[in-house]
Amino acid sequence: MARALRYQPPGGIFHITARGNRRQAIFHDDLDHELFLRLFHRVIRRRSWDYLAYCLMSNHFHLVIQTPTASLSVGMHELSGIYARRFNERHTFDGHLFDGRFRSSFVQGDEHLEEVLRYVALNPVRAGLCEHPSDWPWSSFRGIGRRFLFDR
């Protein structure tokens, strides 16, 4: 039986996550993080997405994006497929990098959006990797998150 299609309304905001296969690391070093972010920004431009936040952890990532059209699945397929191929080539691995397909949740309303942005920004803090979201180098917090979360 086929999977149900994802809910992708035009202008929708989504919290997207993907984890490494068997919870393995999907980012080994700065070059991996930089590659992923370059590819992410390429998909953003190509698909006309707006990103509200991102956070790259060692074995998973979080993205919060808004899509003007129903392009979430095709854009994420592009991002994860190219990243996985380049990651495997660079590290001489083979097989699946990600644990199944990405997960997405539709963000409904301003309160839900604030909750999601706070969750994404605080992910490395809650994991014990840093004391404050601005200390984590692989997050959008320093650039855009601060105004949403803590400056009220």
C-alpha atoms as a PDB file:
ATOM      1  CA  MET A   1       0.000   0.000   0.000  1.00  0.00           C
ATOM      2  CA  ALA A   2       1.357   3.437  -0.929  1.00  0.00           C
ATOM      3  CA  ARG A   3       2.084   6.075   1.666  1.00  0.00           C
ATOM      4  CA  ALA A   4      -0.298   8.983   2.029  1.00  0.00           C
ATOM      5  CA  LEU A   5       0.813  12.170   0.344  1.00  0.00           C
ATOM      6  CA  ARG A   6       2.268  14.849   2.603  1.00  0.00           C
ATOM      7  CA  TYR A   7       0.118  17.822   3.470  1.00  0.00           C
ATOM      8  CA  GLN A   8       1.806  20.684   1.583  1.00  0.00           C
ATOM      9  CA  PRO A   9      -0.429  23.750   1.352  1.00  0.00           C
ATOM     10  CA  PRO A  10       1.018  26.728  -0.539  1.00  0.00           C
ATOM     11  CA  GLY A  11       2.622  29.136   1.930  1.00  0.00           C
ATOM     12  CA  GLY A  12       2.797  26.421   4.597  1.00  0.00           C
ATOM     13  CA  ILE A  13       5.429  26.492   7.331  1.00  0.00           C
ATOM     14  CA  PHE A  14       7.034  23.169   8.229  1.00  0.00           C
ATOM     15  CA  HIS A  15       9.352  21.809  10.911  1.00  0.00           C
ATOM     16  CA  ILE A  16      11.481  19.210   9.165  1.00  0.00           C
ATOM     17  CA  THR A  17      13.810  16.672  10.752  1.00  0.00           C
ATOM     18  CA  ALA A  18      15.903  13.795   9.484  1.00  0.00           C
ATOM     19  CA  ARG A  19      18.125  11.413  11.427  1.00  0.00           C
ATOM     20  CA  GLY A  20      21.108   9.324  10.525  1.00  0.00           C
ATOM     21  CA  ASN A  21      20.519   5.660   9.775  1.00  0.00           C
ATOM     22  CA  ARG A  22      20.785   3.716  13.045  1.00  0.00           C
ATOM     23  CA  ARG A  23      21.275   7.155  14.672  1.00  0.00           C
ATOM     24  CA  GLN A  24      24.764   7.373  13.155  1.00  0.00           C
ATOM     25  CA  ALA A  25      26.448  10.730  12.608  1.00  0.00           C
ATOM     26  CA  ILE A  26      25.492  12.557   9.420  1.00  0.00           C
ATOM     27  CA  PHE A  27      27.991  15.368  10.070  1.00  0.00           C
ATOM     28  CA  HIS A  28      31.569  14.380  10.903  1.00  0.00           C
ATOM     29  CA  ASP A  29      33.304  17.737  10.615  1.00  0.00           C
ATOM     30  CA  ASP A  30      32.978  21.371   9.575  1.00  0.00           C
ATOM     31  CA  LEU A  31      33.196  20.477   5.878  1.00  0.00           C
ATOM     32  CA  ASP A  32      30.117  18.270   6.190  1.00  0.00           C
ATOM     33  CA  HIS A  33      28.167  21.051   7.902  1.00  0.00           C
ATOM     34  CA  GLU A  34      29.276  23.567   5.279  1.00  0.00           C
ATOM     35  CA  LEU A  35      28.352  21.244   2.414  1.00  0.00           C
ATOM     36  CA  PHE A  36      24.884  20.656   3.850  1.00  0.00           C
ATOM     37  CA  LEU A  37      24.290  24.391   4.320  1.00  0.00           C
ATOM     38  CA  ARG A  38      25.461  25.182   0.768  1.00  0.00           C
ATOM     39  CA  LEU A  39      23.086  22.553  -0.614  1.00  0.00           C
ATOM     40  CA  PHE A  40      20.270  23.777   1.650  1.00  0.00           C
ATOM     41  CA  HIS A  41      20.699  27.339   0.401  1.00  0.00           C
ATOM     42  CA  ARG A  42      20.753  26.091  -3.186  1.00  0.00           C
ATOM     43  CA  VAL A  43      17.435  24.295  -2.658  1.00  0.00           C
ATOM     44  CA  ILE A  44      16.014  27.402  -0.959  1.00  0.00           C
ATOM     45  CA  ARG A  45      16.859  29.500  -4.012  1.00  0.00           C
ATOM     46  CA  ARG A  46      15.719  26.895  -6.543  1.00  0.00           C
ATOM     47  CA  ARG A  47      12.391  26.232  -4.803  1.00  0.00           C
ATOM     48  CA  SER A  48      11.809  29.840  -3.593  1.00  0.00           C
ATOM     49  CA  TRP A  49      11.567  28.676  -0.003  1.00  0.00           C
ATOM     50  CA  ASP A  50      12.003  30.951   2.995  1.00  0.00           C
ATOM     51  CA  TYR A  51      13.870  29.517   5.938  1.00  0.00           C
ATOM     52  CA  LEU A  52      13.028  30.604   9.445  1.00  0.00           C
ATOM     53  CA  ALA A  53      15.535  28.462  11.352  1.00  0.00           C
ATOM     54  CA  TYR A  54      17.916  25.546  11.114  1.00  0.00           C
ATOM     55  CA  CYS A  55      20.049  23.548  13.522  1.00  0.00           C
ATOM     56  CA  LEU A  56      22.509  20.845  12.523  1.00  0.00           C
ATOM     57  CA  MET A  57      23.331  18.308  15.211  1.00  0.00           C
ATOM     58  CA  SER A  58      25.752  15.396  14.844  1.00  0.00           C
ATOM     59  CA  ASN A  59      23.182  12.750  13.908  1.00  0.00           C
ATOM     60  CA  HIS A  60      20.164  14.801  12.814  1.00  0.00           C
ATOM     61  CA  PHE A  61      19.019  18.195  11.612  1.00  0.00           C
ATOM     62  CA  HIS A  62      16.092  20.555  12.070  1.00  0.00           C
ATOM     63  CA  LEU A  63      14.818  22.951   9.419  1.00  0.00           C
ATOM     64  CA  VAL A  64      11.922  25.376   9.681  1.00  0.00           C
ATOM     65  CA  ILE A  65      10.862  26.512   6.238  1.00  0.00           C
ATOM     66  CA  GLN A  66       7.982  28.127   4.420  1.00  0.00           C
ATOM     67  CA  THR A  67       7.134  26.861   0.951  1.00  0.00           C
ATOM     68  CA  PRO A  68       5.223  29.023  -1.571  1.00  0.00           C
ATOM     69  CA  THR A  69       4.196  25.920  -3.533  1.00  0.00           C
ATOM     70  CA  ALA A  70       3.814  22.208  -2.813  1.00  0.00           C
ATOM     71  CA  SER A  71       7.552  21.602  -3.279  1.00  0.00           C
ATOM     72  CA  LEU A  72       8.516  20.239   0.143  1.00  0.00           C
ATOM     73  CA  SER A  73       9.021  16.627  -0.895  1.00  0.00           C
ATOM     74  CA  VAL A  74      10.856  17.357  -4.133  1.00  0.00           C
ATOM     75  CA  GLY A  75      13.144  19.902  -2.427  1.00  0.00           C
ATOM     76  CA  MET A  76      13.956  17.620   0.492  1.00  0.00           C
ATOM     77  CA  HIS A  77      14.590  14.722  -1.890  1.00  0.00           C
ATOM     78  CA  GLU A  78      17.067  16.936  -3.725  1.00  0.00           C
ATOM     79  CA  LEU A  79      18.768  18.127  -0.525  1.00  0.00           C
ATOM     80  CA  SER A  80      19.058  14.769   1.220  1.00  0.00           C
ATOM     81  CA  GLY A  81      19.895  12.815  -1.932  1.00  0.00           C
ATOM     82  CA  ILE A  82      22.741  15.054  -3.054  1.00  0.00           C
ATOM     83  CA  TYR A  83      24.065  15.446   0.493  1.00  0.00           C
ATOM     84  CA  ALA A  84      24.040  11.673   1.110  1.00  0.00           C
ATOM     85  CA  ARG A  85      25.874  10.942  -2.151  1.00  0.00           C
ATOM     86  CA  ARG A  86      28.555  13.552  -1.489  1.00  0.00           C
ATOM     87  CA  PHE A  87      28.907  12.529   2.170  1.00  0.00           C
ATOM     88  CA  ASN A  88      29.357   8.878   1.181  1.00  0.00           C
ATOM     89  CA  GLU A  89      31.881   9.753  -1.523  1.00  0.00           C
ATOM     90  CA  ARG A  90      33.884  11.994   0.797  1.00  0.00           C
ATOM     91  CA  HIS A  91      34.001   9.467   3.645  1.00  0.00           C
ATOM     92  CA  THR A  92      34.155   6.366   1.372  1.00  0.00           C
ATOM     93  CA  PHE A  93      30.911   4.977   2.806  1.00  0.00           C
ATOM     94  CA  ASP A  94      28.092   3.269   1.007  1.00  0.00           C
ATOM     95  CA  GLY A  95      24.469   2.585   1.745  1.00  0.00           C
ATOM     96  CA  HIS A  96      21.810   4.688   3.387  1.00  0.00           C
ATOM     97  CA  LEU A  97      22.834   7.783   5.305  1.00  0.00           C
ATOM     98  CA  PHE A  98      19.371   8.753   6.535  1.00  0.00           C
ATOM     99  CA  ASP A  99      16.918   6.688   8.556  1.00  0.00           C
ATOM    100  CA  GLY A 100      13.977   6.572   6.189  1.00  0.00           C
ATOM    101  CA  ARG A 101      12.361   9.637   4.758  1.00  0.00           C
ATOM    102  CA  PHE A 102      12.385  13.006   6.444  1.00  0.00           C
ATOM    103  CA  ARG A 103       9.721  13.908   8.983  1.00  0.00           C
ATOM    104  CA  SER A 104       7.698  17.069   8.674  1.00  0.00           C
ATOM    105  CA  SER A 105       5.113  18.731  10.836  1.00  0.00           C
ATOM    106  CA  PHE A 106       2.876  21.520   9.631  1.00  0.00           C
ATOM    107  CA  VAL A 107       3.193  24.615  11.824  1.00  0.00           C
ATOM    108  CA  GLN A 108      -0.195  26.061  12.682  1.00  0.00           C
ATOM    109  CA  GLY A 109      -0.292  29.609  13.997  1.00  0.00           C
ATOM    110  CA  ASP A 110       2.085  32.037  15.645  1.00  0.00           C
ATOM    111  CA  GLU A 111       2.203  30.294  19.028  1.00  0.00           C
ATOM    112  CA  HIS A 112       3.101  26.990  17.423  1.00  0.00           C
ATOM    113  CA  LEU A 113       5.755  28.730  15.308  1.00  0.00           C
ATOM    114  CA  GLU A 114       7.333  30.324  18.395  1.00  0.00           C
ATOM    115  CA  GLU A 115       7.339  26.948  20.141  1.00  0.00           C
ATOM    116  CA  VAL A 116       9.037  25.275  17.144  1.00  0.00           C
ATOM    117  CA  LEU A 117      11.644  28.043  16.780  1.00  0.00           C
ATOM    118  CA  ARG A 118      12.454  27.850  20.480  1.00  0.00           C
ATOM    119  CA  TYR A 119      12.726  24.052  20.320  1.00  0.00           C
ATOM    120  CA  VAL A 120      15.103  24.171  17.335  1.00  0.00           C
ATOM    121  CA  ALA A 121      17.305  26.886  18.879  1.00  0.00           C
ATOM    122  CA  LEU A 122      17.530  25.123  22.244  1.00  0.00           C
ATOM    123  CA  ASN A 123      18.285  21.678  20.806  1.00  0.00           C
ATOM    124  CA  PRO A 124      22.086  21.860  21.299  1.00  0.00           C
ATOM    125  CA  VAL A 125      21.643  23.402  24.759  1.00  0.00           C
ATOM    126  CA  ARG A 126      19.336  20.582  25.871  1.00  0.00           C
ATOM    127  CA  ALA A 127      21.804  18.054  24.439  1.00  0.00           C
ATOM    128  CA  GLY A 128      24.534  19.542  26.644  1.00  0.00           C
ATOM    129  CA  LEU A 129      26.634  20.737  23.713  1.00  0.00           C
ATOM    130  CA  CYS A 130      26.623  24.424  24.645  1.00  0.00           C
ATOM    131  CA  GLU A 131      25.297  26.766  27.307  1.00  0.00           C
ATOM    132  CA  HIS A 132      23.398  29.196  25.078  1.00  0.00           C
ATOM    133  CA  PRO A 133      21.966  28.856  21.554  1.00  0.00           C
ATOM    134  CA  SER A 134      24.315  31.573  20.294  1.00  0.00           C
ATOM    135  CA  ASP A 135      27.274  29.319  21.205  1.00  0.00           C
ATOM    136  CA  TRP A 136      26.277  26.646  18.664  1.00  0.00           C
ATOM    137  CA  PRO A 137      27.986  27.335  15.320  1.00  0.00           C
ATOM    138  CA  TRP A 138      25.649  25.164  13.211  1.00  0.00           C
ATOM    139  CA  SER A 139      22.419  26.978  13.915  1.00  0.00           C
ATOM    140  CA  SER A 140      20.694  30.021  12.484  1.00  0.00           C
ATOM    141  CA  PHE A 141      20.138  31.404  15.985  1.00  0.00           C
ATOM    142  CA  ARG A 142      22.865  34.031  15.890  1.00  0.00           C
ATOM    143  CA  GLY A 143      21.600  35.364  12.576  1.00  0.00           C
ATOM    144  CA  ILE A 144      17.831  35.302  12.918  1.00  0.00           C
ATOM    145  CA  GLY A 145      16.579  33.336  15.902  1.00  0.00           C
ATOM    146  CA  ARG A 146      17.373  35.795  18.634  1.00  0.00           C
ATOM    147  CA  ARG A 147      14.609  38.236  17.733  1.00  0.00           C
ATOM    148  CA  PHE A 148      11.993  35.458  17.787  1.00  0.00           C
ATOM    149  CA  LEU A 149      12.938  33.811  21.034  1.00  0.00           C
ATOM    150  CA  PHE A 150      14.593  35.860  23.682  1.00  0.00           C
ATOM    151  CA  ASP A 151      14.351  39.599  22.951  1.00  0.00           C
ATOM    152  CA  ARG A 152      10.881  40.367  24.243  1.00  0.00           C
END
